[in-house]
Each structure stands twice: as structure tokens, then as C-alpha cells.
């Protein structure tokens, strides 16, 4: 099983950050790279419609204090399986916070693990950059 971990600090209070990124169903508030997002199951399932017709379906597994964990149901655009990821925010001091995003997964059949890791790294780094742009 592979693991990818990213974190980035922001000059934003943790509560404000969480109010922006903490709703699993509201990924479009800060992330990009998809044409649309369909929300189902009372906000517990999101269908990310990507350019070219690709689809990623994820469901919320657990919610904690300023964190949530989700799993991949269908990820035609991602070469992974048994994917589980957690996004969280922690206070780091006077008006600052850290966003952590980590995931575990296996490479999908026929995909080298290093390729799957590289793609998930790109997803996480792009998402954290999207957060930075949201607050700049």
C-alpha cells in the first residue's frame, strides 16, 4: 500500500480555513480541475465530472474536529484502488493554520506504483495551491 502526505501552512485562522474547506460536499469552493460536481446521499457522496467525460466518485467515511476522511468508490481518472484520504486543519499559532492532506491506496491493475503516487501527489499539491489562491 502506498501513502502520500502533504501539508502546507497558511496565514489564516484555523476556524476560517475550516469554514472554507471543511464541507466535503463543497469541494468546488477551493479546488479546480473538474467540469462540475454532483452531490448525492445528503452530501455524503460527490461525483466529480472531469473534462473529457471522466468521473471520480467519492464518499464521506468519517468526520472529526476540523477533519474528514473519504474513500474512492469509482475513480476512472485515478489509477488507484482501495483509496482512503483525510483532509484536516490544525491551528499553528496566532492567525495561522496548517492543512494536512494524506491518503493511502494501491496502484490500479497495470499501473506502476510510482505512477499512482505521482498522480496523487499532483492532486494534493494542486489542491493545496488552490487553497492558497483562495486566500490570496
N, C-alpha and C. Protein backbone atom coordinates (compact mmCIF):
# COMPACT_ATOMS: atom_id res chain seq x y z
N UNK A 1 0.85 -1.18 0.00
CA UNK A 1 0.00 0.00 0.00
C UNK A 1 0.89 1.24 0.00
N UNK A 2 0.57 2.18 -0.83
CA UNK A 2 1.32 3.44 -0.93
C UNK A 2 0.66 4.49 -0.04
N UNK A 3 1.46 5.47 0.34
CA UNK A 3 0.94 6.58 1.14
C UNK A 3 1.53 7.88 0.62
N UNK A 4 0.69 8.90 0.56
CA UNK A 4 1.09 10.25 0.17
C UNK A 4 0.63 11.20 1.26
N UNK A 5 1.53 12.07 1.71
CA UNK A 5 1.22 13.05 2.75
C UNK A 5 1.69 14.43 2.28
N UNK A 6 0.80 15.40 2.40
CA UNK A 6 1.14 16.79 2.08
C UNK A 6 0.64 17.68 3.22
N UNK A 7 1.37 18.74 3.50
CA UNK A 7 0.88 19.76 4.41
C UNK A 7 1.44 21.10 3.98
N UNK A 8 0.68 22.11 4.32
CA UNK A 8 1.07 23.48 3.97
C UNK A 8 0.50 24.42 5.00
N UNK A 9 1.31 25.42 5.37
CA UNK A 9 0.85 26.43 6.32
C UNK A 9 0.29 27.63 5.58
N UNK A 10 -0.70 28.25 6.22
CA UNK A 10 -1.37 29.42 5.66
C UNK A 10 -1.51 30.48 6.75
N UNK A 11 -1.50 31.72 6.33
CA UNK A 11 -1.71 32.82 7.27
C UNK A 11 -3.21 33.10 7.38
N UNK A 12 -3.91 32.10 7.87
CA UNK A 12 -5.36 32.13 8.03
C UNK A 12 -5.68 31.40 9.32
N UNK A 13 -6.60 31.90 10.08
CA UNK A 13 -7.05 31.24 11.29
C UNK A 13 -7.66 29.89 10.93
N UNK A 14 -7.44 28.88 11.78
CA UNK A 14 -7.92 27.53 11.52
C UNK A 14 -9.44 27.48 11.35
N UNK A 15 -10.17 28.23 12.17
CA UNK A 15 -11.63 28.23 12.06
C UNK A 15 -12.09 28.78 10.72
N UNK A 16 -11.45 29.85 10.27
CA UNK A 16 -11.80 30.42 8.96
C UNK A 16 -11.45 29.45 7.84
N UNK A 17 -10.29 28.82 7.94
CA UNK A 17 -9.89 27.84 6.93
C UNK A 17 -10.91 26.70 6.87
N UNK A 18 -11.29 26.19 8.04
CA UNK A 18 -12.21 25.07 8.06
C UNK A 18 -13.57 25.47 7.50
N UNK A 19 -13.99 26.71 7.73
CA UNK A 19 -15.28 27.15 7.18
C UNK A 19 -15.22 27.19 5.65
N UNK A 20 -14.04 27.30 5.08
CA UNK A 20 -13.88 27.31 3.63
C UNK A 20 -13.72 25.92 3.05
N UNK A 21 -12.90 25.07 3.66
CA UNK A 21 -12.59 23.77 3.05
C UNK A 21 -13.22 22.58 3.77
N UNK A 22 -13.92 22.81 4.87
CA UNK A 22 -14.37 21.72 5.71
C UNK A 22 -15.65 21.01 5.30
N UNK A 23 -16.32 21.47 4.28
CA UNK A 23 -17.54 20.81 3.84
C UNK A 23 -17.21 19.87 2.68
N UNK A 24 -17.29 18.57 2.94
CA UNK A 24 -16.98 17.56 1.92
C UNK A 24 -17.74 17.81 0.62
N UNK A 25 -18.96 18.27 0.73
CA UNK A 25 -19.81 18.47 -0.44
C UNK A 25 -19.49 19.76 -1.20
N UNK A 26 -18.61 20.59 -0.65
CA UNK A 26 -18.36 21.90 -1.26
C UNK A 26 -16.92 22.05 -1.76
N UNK A 27 -16.38 20.99 -2.33
CA UNK A 27 -15.02 20.99 -2.86
C UNK A 27 -14.81 22.09 -3.89
N UNK A 28 -15.82 22.42 -4.64
CA UNK A 28 -15.71 23.44 -5.68
C UNK A 28 -15.40 24.83 -5.17
N UNK A 29 -15.52 25.04 -3.86
CA UNK A 29 -15.21 26.33 -3.26
C UNK A 29 -13.72 26.67 -3.36
N UNK A 30 -12.88 25.63 -3.43
CA UNK A 30 -11.44 25.88 -3.37
C UNK A 30 -10.61 25.03 -4.33
N UNK A 31 -11.18 24.00 -4.89
CA UNK A 31 -10.42 23.13 -5.80
C UNK A 31 -10.90 23.33 -7.23
N UNK A 32 -10.04 22.99 -8.16
CA UNK A 32 -10.39 23.13 -9.58
C UNK A 32 -9.97 21.85 -10.32
N UNK A 33 -10.20 21.82 -11.62
CA UNK A 33 -9.81 20.69 -12.43
C UNK A 33 -10.96 19.80 -12.84
N UNK A 34 -12.18 20.20 -12.54
CA UNK A 34 -13.33 19.41 -12.92
C UNK A 34 -14.36 20.33 -13.56
N UNK A 35 -15.22 19.72 -14.37
CA UNK A 35 -16.27 20.49 -15.03
C UNK A 35 -17.42 20.81 -14.08
N UNK A 36 -17.78 19.85 -13.24
CA UNK A 36 -18.87 20.05 -12.29
C UNK A 36 -18.77 19.00 -11.19
N UNK A 37 -19.53 19.24 -10.13
CA UNK A 37 -19.62 18.29 -9.03
C UNK A 37 -21.09 18.05 -8.74
N UNK A 38 -21.48 16.79 -8.71
CA UNK A 38 -22.84 16.42 -8.33
C UNK A 38 -22.79 15.86 -6.92
N UNK A 39 -23.66 16.34 -6.06
CA UNK A 39 -23.71 15.90 -4.67
C UNK A 39 -24.93 15.00 -4.48
N UNK A 40 -24.72 13.86 -3.84
CA UNK A 40 -25.79 12.89 -3.61
C UNK A 40 -25.76 12.42 -2.17
N UNK A 41 -26.76 11.63 -1.79
CA UNK A 41 -26.78 10.97 -0.50
C UNK A 41 -26.65 11.96 0.65
N UNK A 42 -27.39 13.06 0.56
CA UNK A 42 -27.38 14.06 1.64
C UNK A 42 -26.03 14.71 1.88
N UNK A 43 -25.24 14.86 0.82
CA UNK A 43 -23.93 15.49 0.94
C UNK A 43 -22.82 14.52 1.29
N UNK A 44 -23.10 13.22 1.32
CA UNK A 44 -22.10 12.22 1.70
C UNK A 44 -21.39 11.60 0.50
N UNK A 45 -21.88 11.87 -0.71
CA UNK A 45 -21.26 11.35 -1.92
C UNK A 45 -21.07 12.50 -2.90
N UNK A 46 -19.89 12.57 -3.50
CA UNK A 46 -19.65 13.58 -4.53
C UNK A 46 -19.14 12.89 -5.80
N UNK A 47 -19.69 13.36 -6.91
CA UNK A 47 -19.33 12.86 -8.24
C UNK A 47 -18.61 14.00 -8.95
N UNK A 48 -17.33 13.83 -9.15
CA UNK A 48 -16.52 14.85 -9.81
C UNK A 48 -16.50 14.54 -11.30
N UNK A 49 -17.11 15.41 -12.09
CA UNK A 49 -17.16 15.26 -13.54
C UNK A 49 -15.99 16.01 -14.13
N UNK A 50 -15.06 15.25 -14.71
CA UNK A 50 -13.82 15.82 -15.22
C UNK A 50 -13.90 16.09 -16.71
N UNK A 51 -13.04 16.97 -17.22
CA UNK A 51 -13.01 17.21 -18.66
C UNK A 51 -12.81 15.89 -19.42
N UNK A 52 -13.47 15.78 -20.54
CA UNK A 52 -13.35 14.58 -21.36
C UNK A 52 -14.28 13.46 -20.94
N UNK A 53 -15.13 13.72 -19.95
CA UNK A 53 -16.11 12.73 -19.55
C UNK A 53 -15.68 11.79 -18.44
N UNK A 54 -14.46 11.91 -17.93
CA UNK A 54 -14.02 11.04 -16.84
C UNK A 54 -14.79 11.38 -15.56
N UNK A 55 -14.88 10.42 -14.68
CA UNK A 55 -15.67 10.57 -13.47
C UNK A 55 -14.89 10.03 -12.26
N UNK A 56 -14.99 10.73 -11.15
CA UNK A 56 -14.47 10.26 -9.87
C UNK A 56 -15.63 10.34 -8.89
N UNK A 57 -15.91 9.23 -8.21
CA UNK A 57 -16.98 9.19 -7.21
C UNK A 57 -16.35 8.88 -5.86
N UNK A 58 -16.61 9.74 -4.87
CA UNK A 58 -16.05 9.59 -3.53
C UNK A 58 -17.17 9.67 -2.51
N UNK A 59 -16.97 9.00 -1.37
CA UNK A 59 -17.97 9.09 -0.30
C UNK A 59 -17.29 9.40 1.02
N UNK A 60 -18.01 10.14 1.83
CA UNK A 60 -17.54 10.55 3.14
C UNK A 60 -17.59 9.34 4.08
N UNK A 61 -16.45 9.08 4.74
CA UNK A 61 -16.35 7.94 5.65
C UNK A 61 -16.49 8.38 7.10
N UNK A 62 -15.85 9.50 7.45
CA UNK A 62 -15.82 9.93 8.84
C UNK A 62 -15.56 11.43 8.91
N UNK A 63 -16.08 12.06 9.95
CA UNK A 63 -15.82 13.46 10.21
C UNK A 63 -15.31 13.61 11.63
N UNK A 64 -14.28 14.45 11.80
CA UNK A 64 -13.73 14.73 13.12
C UNK A 64 -13.68 16.23 13.34
N UNK A 65 -12.97 16.62 14.37
CA UNK A 65 -12.79 18.05 14.62
C UNK A 65 -11.85 18.61 13.56
N UNK A 66 -12.39 19.41 12.68
CA UNK A 66 -11.63 20.01 11.57
C UNK A 66 -10.90 18.97 10.72
N UNK A 67 -11.57 17.86 10.46
CA UNK A 67 -11.03 16.86 9.53
C UNK A 67 -12.17 16.01 8.99
N UNK A 68 -11.95 15.44 7.82
CA UNK A 68 -12.86 14.43 7.30
C UNK A 68 -12.06 13.42 6.50
N UNK A 69 -12.58 12.21 6.46
CA UNK A 69 -11.97 11.12 5.72
C UNK A 69 -12.96 10.64 4.68
N UNK A 70 -12.45 10.38 3.50
CA UNK A 70 -13.31 9.91 2.42
C UNK A 70 -12.63 8.78 1.67
N UNK A 71 -13.42 8.03 0.92
CA UNK A 71 -12.91 6.91 0.15
C UNK A 71 -13.38 7.03 -1.30
N UNK A 72 -12.65 6.40 -2.17
CA UNK A 72 -12.95 6.41 -3.60
C UNK A 72 -13.86 5.23 -3.93
N UNK A 73 -15.00 5.53 -4.53
CA UNK A 73 -15.91 4.49 -4.99
C UNK A 73 -15.60 4.10 -6.43
N UNK A 74 -15.39 5.12 -7.23
CA UNK A 74 -15.16 4.93 -8.66
C UNK A 74 -14.19 6.01 -9.09
N UNK A 75 -13.07 5.61 -9.64
CA UNK A 75 -12.05 6.61 -9.96
C UNK A 75 -11.42 6.40 -11.31
N UNK A 76 -12.23 6.30 -12.33
CA UNK A 76 -11.71 6.06 -13.66
C UNK A 76 -10.56 6.96 -14.04
N UNK A 77 -10.53 8.19 -13.52
CA UNK A 77 -9.48 9.13 -13.87
C UNK A 77 -8.24 8.95 -12.99
N UNK A 78 -8.37 8.21 -11.90
CA UNK A 78 -7.24 7.99 -10.99
C UNK A 78 -6.83 6.52 -11.06
N UNK A 79 -5.54 6.26 -11.26
CA UNK A 79 -5.08 4.87 -11.38
C UNK A 79 -4.83 4.23 -10.02
N UNK A 80 -5.85 4.27 -9.15
CA UNK A 80 -5.70 3.74 -7.79
C UNK A 80 -6.92 2.90 -7.42
N UNK A 81 -6.74 2.08 -6.39
CA UNK A 81 -7.85 1.34 -5.79
C UNK A 81 -7.61 1.30 -4.29
N UNK A 82 -8.65 0.98 -3.54
CA UNK A 82 -8.58 0.97 -2.08
C UNK A 82 -8.04 2.29 -1.54
N UNK A 83 -8.50 3.38 -2.14
CA UNK A 83 -8.06 4.73 -1.80
C UNK A 83 -8.87 5.27 -0.63
N UNK A 84 -8.15 5.81 0.33
CA UNK A 84 -8.77 6.45 1.50
C UNK A 84 -7.93 7.67 1.84
N UNK A 85 -8.58 8.80 2.05
CA UNK A 85 -7.86 10.06 2.23
C UNK A 85 -8.46 10.88 3.36
N UNK A 86 -7.61 11.65 4.03
CA UNK A 86 -8.05 12.54 5.10
C UNK A 86 -7.53 13.95 4.84
N UNK A 87 -8.43 14.90 4.99
CA UNK A 87 -8.10 16.32 4.88
C UNK A 87 -8.38 16.94 6.24
N UNK A 88 -7.41 17.71 6.76
CA UNK A 88 -7.60 18.30 8.07
C UNK A 88 -6.91 19.64 8.23
N UNK A 89 -7.36 20.39 9.22
CA UNK A 89 -6.80 21.71 9.52
C UNK A 89 -6.44 21.75 11.00
N UNK A 90 -5.25 22.29 11.30
CA UNK A 90 -4.85 22.47 12.69
C UNK A 90 -4.30 23.87 12.89
N UNK A 91 -4.51 24.38 14.08
CA UNK A 91 -4.01 25.71 14.46
C UNK A 91 -2.49 25.61 14.66
N UNK A 92 -1.75 26.57 14.13
CA UNK A 92 -0.29 26.56 14.33
C UNK A 92 0.19 27.78 15.09
N UNK A 93 -0.70 28.69 15.42
CA UNK A 93 -0.32 29.88 16.17
C UNK A 93 -1.04 31.09 15.64
N UNK A 94 -0.96 32.13 16.33
CA UNK A 94 -1.57 33.42 16.06
C UNK A 94 -2.00 33.65 14.61
N UNK A 95 -3.23 33.28 14.32
CA UNK A 95 -3.79 33.55 12.99
C UNK A 95 -3.23 32.69 11.88
N UNK A 96 -2.62 31.57 12.22
CA UNK A 96 -2.03 30.67 11.21
C UNK A 96 -2.60 29.27 11.40
N UNK A 97 -2.57 28.52 10.31
CA UNK A 97 -3.00 27.13 10.39
C UNK A 97 -2.21 26.28 9.42
N UNK A 98 -2.36 24.98 9.59
CA UNK A 98 -1.73 24.02 8.68
C UNK A 98 -2.83 23.13 8.13
N UNK A 99 -2.81 22.94 6.82
CA UNK A 99 -3.72 22.00 6.18
C UNK A 99 -2.91 20.75 5.85
N UNK A 100 -3.42 19.61 6.29
CA UNK A 100 -2.80 18.31 6.03
C UNK A 100 -3.73 17.49 5.15
N UNK A 101 -3.15 16.85 4.16
CA UNK A 101 -3.93 16.00 3.25
C UNK A 101 -3.12 14.74 3.03
N UNK A 102 -3.67 13.62 3.40
CA UNK A 102 -2.94 12.36 3.27
C UNK A 102 -3.85 11.28 2.72
N UNK A 103 -3.24 10.31 2.09
CA UNK A 103 -4.01 9.22 1.53
C UNK A 103 -3.22 7.94 1.44
N UNK A 104 -3.93 6.83 1.53
CA UNK A 104 -3.35 5.51 1.29
C UNK A 104 -4.12 4.86 0.15
N UNK A 105 -3.42 4.03 -0.61
CA UNK A 105 -4.03 3.42 -1.78
C UNK A 105 -3.09 2.36 -2.35
N UNK A 106 -3.64 1.61 -3.29
CA UNK A 106 -2.85 0.69 -4.09
C UNK A 106 -2.94 1.16 -5.53
N UNK A 107 -1.90 0.89 -6.28
CA UNK A 107 -1.96 1.22 -7.71
C UNK A 107 -2.98 0.30 -8.37
N UNK A 108 -3.75 0.86 -9.28
CA UNK A 108 -4.72 0.05 -10.02
C UNK A 108 -3.98 -0.95 -10.88
N UNK A 109 -4.69 -2.00 -11.24
CA UNK A 109 -4.08 -3.06 -12.04
C UNK A 109 -3.40 -2.50 -13.28
N UNK A 110 -2.15 -2.88 -13.46
CA UNK A 110 -1.39 -2.45 -14.63
C UNK A 110 -0.70 -1.11 -14.48
N UNK A 111 -0.91 -0.42 -13.39
CA UNK A 111 -0.28 0.89 -13.18
C UNK A 111 0.89 0.73 -12.21
N UNK A 112 2.08 1.20 -12.60
CA UNK A 112 3.20 1.16 -11.65
C UNK A 112 2.89 2.02 -10.42
N UNK A 113 3.30 1.55 -9.24
CA UNK A 113 3.00 2.29 -8.02
C UNK A 113 3.56 3.71 -8.08
N UNK A 114 4.75 3.88 -8.63
CA UNK A 114 5.34 5.23 -8.69
C UNK A 114 4.50 6.18 -9.54
N UNK A 115 3.82 5.67 -10.55
CA UNK A 115 2.93 6.50 -11.36
C UNK A 115 1.71 6.92 -10.55
N UNK A 116 1.12 5.98 -9.83
CA UNK A 116 -0.05 6.30 -8.99
C UNK A 116 0.34 7.32 -7.92
N UNK A 117 1.50 7.14 -7.29
CA UNK A 117 1.97 8.08 -6.27
C UNK A 117 2.16 9.46 -6.87
N UNK A 118 2.76 9.53 -8.04
CA UNK A 118 2.99 10.82 -8.69
C UNK A 118 1.66 11.54 -8.97
N UNK A 119 0.66 10.82 -9.41
CA UNK A 119 -0.63 11.44 -9.72
C UNK A 119 -1.31 11.94 -8.45
N UNK A 120 -1.31 11.15 -7.39
CA UNK A 120 -1.93 11.60 -6.14
C UNK A 120 -1.16 12.79 -5.57
N UNK A 121 0.17 12.77 -5.69
CA UNK A 121 0.96 13.95 -5.28
C UNK A 121 0.51 15.19 -6.03
N UNK A 122 0.25 15.07 -7.33
CA UNK A 122 -0.19 16.21 -8.13
C UNK A 122 -1.57 16.68 -7.67
N UNK A 123 -2.46 15.75 -7.35
CA UNK A 123 -3.80 16.12 -6.87
C UNK A 123 -3.69 16.93 -5.59
N UNK A 124 -2.92 16.43 -4.63
CA UNK A 124 -2.81 17.10 -3.33
C UNK A 124 -2.10 18.44 -3.44
N UNK A 125 -1.00 18.48 -4.18
CA UNK A 125 -0.29 19.76 -4.30
C UNK A 125 -1.14 20.79 -5.04
N UNK A 126 -1.88 20.35 -6.06
CA UNK A 126 -2.78 21.25 -6.76
C UNK A 126 -3.91 21.75 -5.86
N UNK A 127 -4.44 20.88 -5.02
CA UNK A 127 -5.49 21.29 -4.09
C UNK A 127 -4.99 22.29 -3.07
N UNK A 128 -3.80 22.05 -2.52
CA UNK A 128 -3.24 22.99 -1.54
C UNK A 128 -2.91 24.33 -2.19
N UNK A 129 -2.51 24.29 -3.44
CA UNK A 129 -2.28 25.56 -4.15
C UNK A 129 -3.60 26.27 -4.40
N UNK A 130 -4.66 25.54 -4.69
CA UNK A 130 -5.99 26.14 -4.84
C UNK A 130 -6.45 26.83 -3.58
N UNK A 131 -6.13 26.23 -2.43
CA UNK A 131 -6.46 26.86 -1.15
C UNK A 131 -5.68 28.17 -1.01
N UNK A 132 -4.40 28.14 -1.36
CA UNK A 132 -3.57 29.35 -1.26
C UNK A 132 -4.15 30.46 -2.13
N UNK A 133 -4.58 30.11 -3.33
CA UNK A 133 -5.17 31.13 -4.22
C UNK A 133 -6.47 31.67 -3.65
N UNK A 134 -7.23 30.82 -3.00
CA UNK A 134 -8.50 31.25 -2.42
C UNK A 134 -8.27 32.34 -1.36
N UNK A 135 -7.15 32.26 -0.65
CA UNK A 135 -6.88 33.21 0.43
C UNK A 135 -5.88 34.31 0.06
N UNK A 136 -5.48 34.37 -1.20
CA UNK A 136 -4.51 35.41 -1.58
C UNK A 136 -5.22 36.70 -2.02
